[in-house]
Amino acid sequence: MHAENDTRPPYEQRQWFCRLDEDPAAVVTARALVGTVLAGWDAELVEDAVLVTSELVTNALAHGDAPVTLAVTVRKEPEPTVILEVADASPELPVQELPGEVGHFGLWIAEELARVTIHPTTTGKTVRAEFVLFDQPAAR
């Protein structure tokens, strides 16, 4: 039970954050962060999350404005959930186009693998990809 004057969230949650627009290897850095954070979780989830990270970060760097950031949130309750949030300073919202011979696969891939939502913010936008697991992560 969550006490009335307890300011902690009612579930365990951890978050990692990095700025990517000043990193020449930004996609590699983002993939490594997600892979490290999710070490020990279901292998398919890790693969999907790393792929979605690549696509969202690539899109933000190519089409967004600095700063570009990645936040990775992991929570265990009410069910194990991984949330990837890629933010940039462009107010232009991504447009889902049909995949073609060259490009336009990023958002489509992300939406196939995760629950994706796009949120305008006062400083630009955030693209959020959420993975909910109904089984506990593998033991480390």
Protein backbone atom coordinates (compact mmCIF):
# COMPACT_ATOMS: atom_id res chain seq x y z
CA MET A 1 0.00 0.00 0.00
CA HIS A 2 1.19 3.49 -0.82
CA ALA A 3 1.11 5.82 2.20
CA GLU A 4 -0.68 9.16 1.72
CA ASN A 5 2.32 11.36 2.51
CA ASP A 6 4.87 9.05 0.87
CA THR A 7 6.34 10.88 -2.15
CA ARG A 8 7.91 7.79 -3.74
CA PRO A 9 6.17 6.27 -6.76
CA PRO A 10 3.97 3.26 -5.93
CA TYR A 11 6.34 1.02 -7.91
CA GLU A 12 10.05 0.64 -8.41
CA GLN A 13 11.29 2.72 -11.35
CA ARG A 14 14.76 3.63 -12.62
CA GLN A 15 15.73 6.02 -15.38
CA TRP A 16 18.85 6.64 -17.48
CA PHE A 17 19.36 9.72 -19.61
CA CYS A 18 21.88 10.88 -22.23
CA ARG A 19 22.30 13.73 -24.69
CA LEU A 20 23.13 12.50 -28.17
CA ASP A 21 23.38 15.41 -30.61
CA GLU A 22 26.96 16.23 -29.61
CA ASP A 23 28.09 12.59 -29.89
CA PRO A 24 29.58 11.61 -33.28
CA ALA A 25 28.66 7.99 -32.50
CA ALA A 26 25.20 8.85 -31.12
CA VAL A 27 23.34 5.81 -32.46
CA VAL A 28 26.05 3.46 -31.17
CA THR A 29 25.97 5.19 -27.78
CA ALA A 30 22.17 4.97 -27.58
CA ARG A 31 22.14 1.28 -28.58
CA ALA A 32 24.83 0.49 -26.02
CA LEU A 33 22.93 2.27 -23.24
CA VAL A 34 19.71 0.38 -23.97
CA GLY A 35 21.55 -2.95 -24.27
CA THR A 36 23.37 -2.38 -20.98
CA VAL A 37 20.24 -1.27 -19.11
CA LEU A 38 18.29 -4.28 -20.36
CA ALA A 39 21.02 -6.90 -19.82
CA GLY A 40 19.33 -9.95 -18.33
CA TRP A 41 15.88 -9.14 -19.71
CA ASP A 42 14.16 -11.25 -22.38
CA ALA A 43 16.50 -11.45 -25.40
CA GLU A 44 13.73 -10.65 -27.89
CA LEU A 45 12.78 -7.52 -25.94
CA VAL A 46 16.41 -6.39 -25.86
CA GLU A 47 16.75 -6.87 -29.64
CA ASP A 48 13.49 -5.01 -30.31
CA ALA A 49 14.34 -2.17 -27.93
CA VAL A 50 17.82 -1.72 -29.41
CA LEU A 51 16.39 -1.67 -32.95
CA VAL A 52 13.67 0.83 -32.02
CA THR A 53 16.30 2.98 -30.29
CA SER A 54 18.39 3.02 -33.48
CA GLU A 55 15.44 4.07 -35.59
CA LEU A 56 14.13 6.79 -33.28
CA VAL A 57 17.56 8.30 -32.58
CA THR A 58 18.46 8.25 -36.28
CA ASN A 59 15.20 10.05 -37.11
CA ALA A 60 15.71 12.65 -34.39
CA LEU A 61 19.26 13.37 -35.51
CA ALA A 62 18.31 13.52 -39.21
CA HIS A 63 15.04 15.45 -38.94
CA GLY A 64 15.02 17.12 -35.51
CA ASP A 65 16.90 19.95 -33.86
CA ALA A 66 19.41 19.89 -31.01
CA PRO A 67 19.34 18.99 -28.25
CA VAL A 68 18.51 15.34 -28.95
CA THR A 69 18.14 13.22 -25.84
CA LEU A 70 17.33 9.64 -24.93
CA ALA A 71 15.67 8.62 -21.68
CA VAL A 72 15.34 4.93 -20.80
CA THR A 73 12.89 4.13 -18.02
CA VAL A 74 12.46 0.67 -16.51
CA ARG A 75 9.74 -0.09 -14.04
CA LYS A 76 8.74 -3.39 -12.49
CA GLU A 77 5.19 -2.61 -11.36
CA PRO A 78 2.35 -2.83 -12.21
CA GLU A 79 4.00 -4.94 -14.95
CA PRO A 80 7.58 -4.92 -16.22
CA THR A 81 7.79 -2.02 -18.67
CA VAL A 82 10.58 -0.42 -20.69
CA ILE A 83 10.01 3.10 -21.99
CA LEU A 84 12.28 4.76 -24.53
CA GLU A 85 11.84 8.49 -25.04
CA VAL A 86 13.74 10.33 -27.75
CA ALA A 87 13.29 14.09 -27.57
CA ASP A 88 14.45 16.87 -29.85
CA ALA A 89 13.84 20.61 -30.16
CA SER A 90 12.00 20.62 -33.50
CA PRO A 91 8.26 21.30 -33.29
CA GLU A 92 7.76 19.35 -36.55
CA LEU A 93 6.03 16.07 -35.73
CA PRO A 94 7.20 12.92 -37.52
CA VAL A 95 5.04 11.76 -40.39
CA GLN A 96 4.41 8.08 -40.91
CA GLU A 97 5.07 7.38 -44.57
CA LEU A 98 4.98 4.09 -46.37
CA PRO A 99 8.37 2.42 -46.37
CA GLY A 100 10.14 2.85 -49.68
CA GLU A 101 13.29 1.73 -51.39
CA VAL A 102 15.29 4.38 -49.58
CA GLY A 103 14.31 5.25 -46.05
CA HIS A 104 11.00 5.88 -44.33
CA PHE A 105 11.23 2.66 -42.33
CA GLY A 106 12.13 4.09 -38.90
CA LEU A 107 8.77 5.04 -37.45
CA TRP A 108 7.08 2.12 -39.20
CA ILE A 109 9.53 -0.35 -37.60
CA ALA A 110 9.11 1.25 -34.18
CA GLU A 111 5.32 1.05 -34.42
CA GLU A 112 5.51 -2.63 -35.39
CA LEU A 113 7.57 -3.48 -32.29
CA ALA A 114 6.32 -1.14 -29.57
CA ARG A 115 3.46 1.12 -28.56
CA VAL A 116 4.63 4.44 -30.02
CA THR A 117 3.21 7.83 -29.15
CA ILE A 118 4.35 11.28 -30.19
CA HIS A 119 4.07 14.16 -27.74
CA PRO A 120 4.53 17.83 -28.65
CA THR A 121 6.35 19.65 -25.84
CA THR A 122 7.07 23.29 -25.07
CA THR A 123 10.61 22.72 -26.34
CA GLY A 124 9.92 20.45 -29.35
CA LYS A 125 8.64 16.89 -29.25
CA THR A 126 9.18 13.49 -27.64
CA VAL A 127 8.69 10.17 -29.40
CA ARG A 128 7.90 7.49 -26.82
CA ALA A 129 8.15 3.74 -27.41
CA GLU A 130 6.78 1.49 -24.69
CA PHE A 131 7.37 -2.23 -24.26
CA VAL A 132 5.25 -4.03 -21.67
CA LEU A 133 6.30 -7.50 -20.56
CA PHE A 134 3.91 -9.82 -18.90
CA ASP A 135 6.69 -12.17 -17.77
CA GLN A 136 9.39 -11.10 -15.31
CA PRO A 137 12.84 -10.36 -16.72
CA ALA A 138 15.36 -13.17 -16.67
CA ALA A 139 17.45 -13.53 -13.52
CA ARG A 140 20.91 -11.98 -13.68
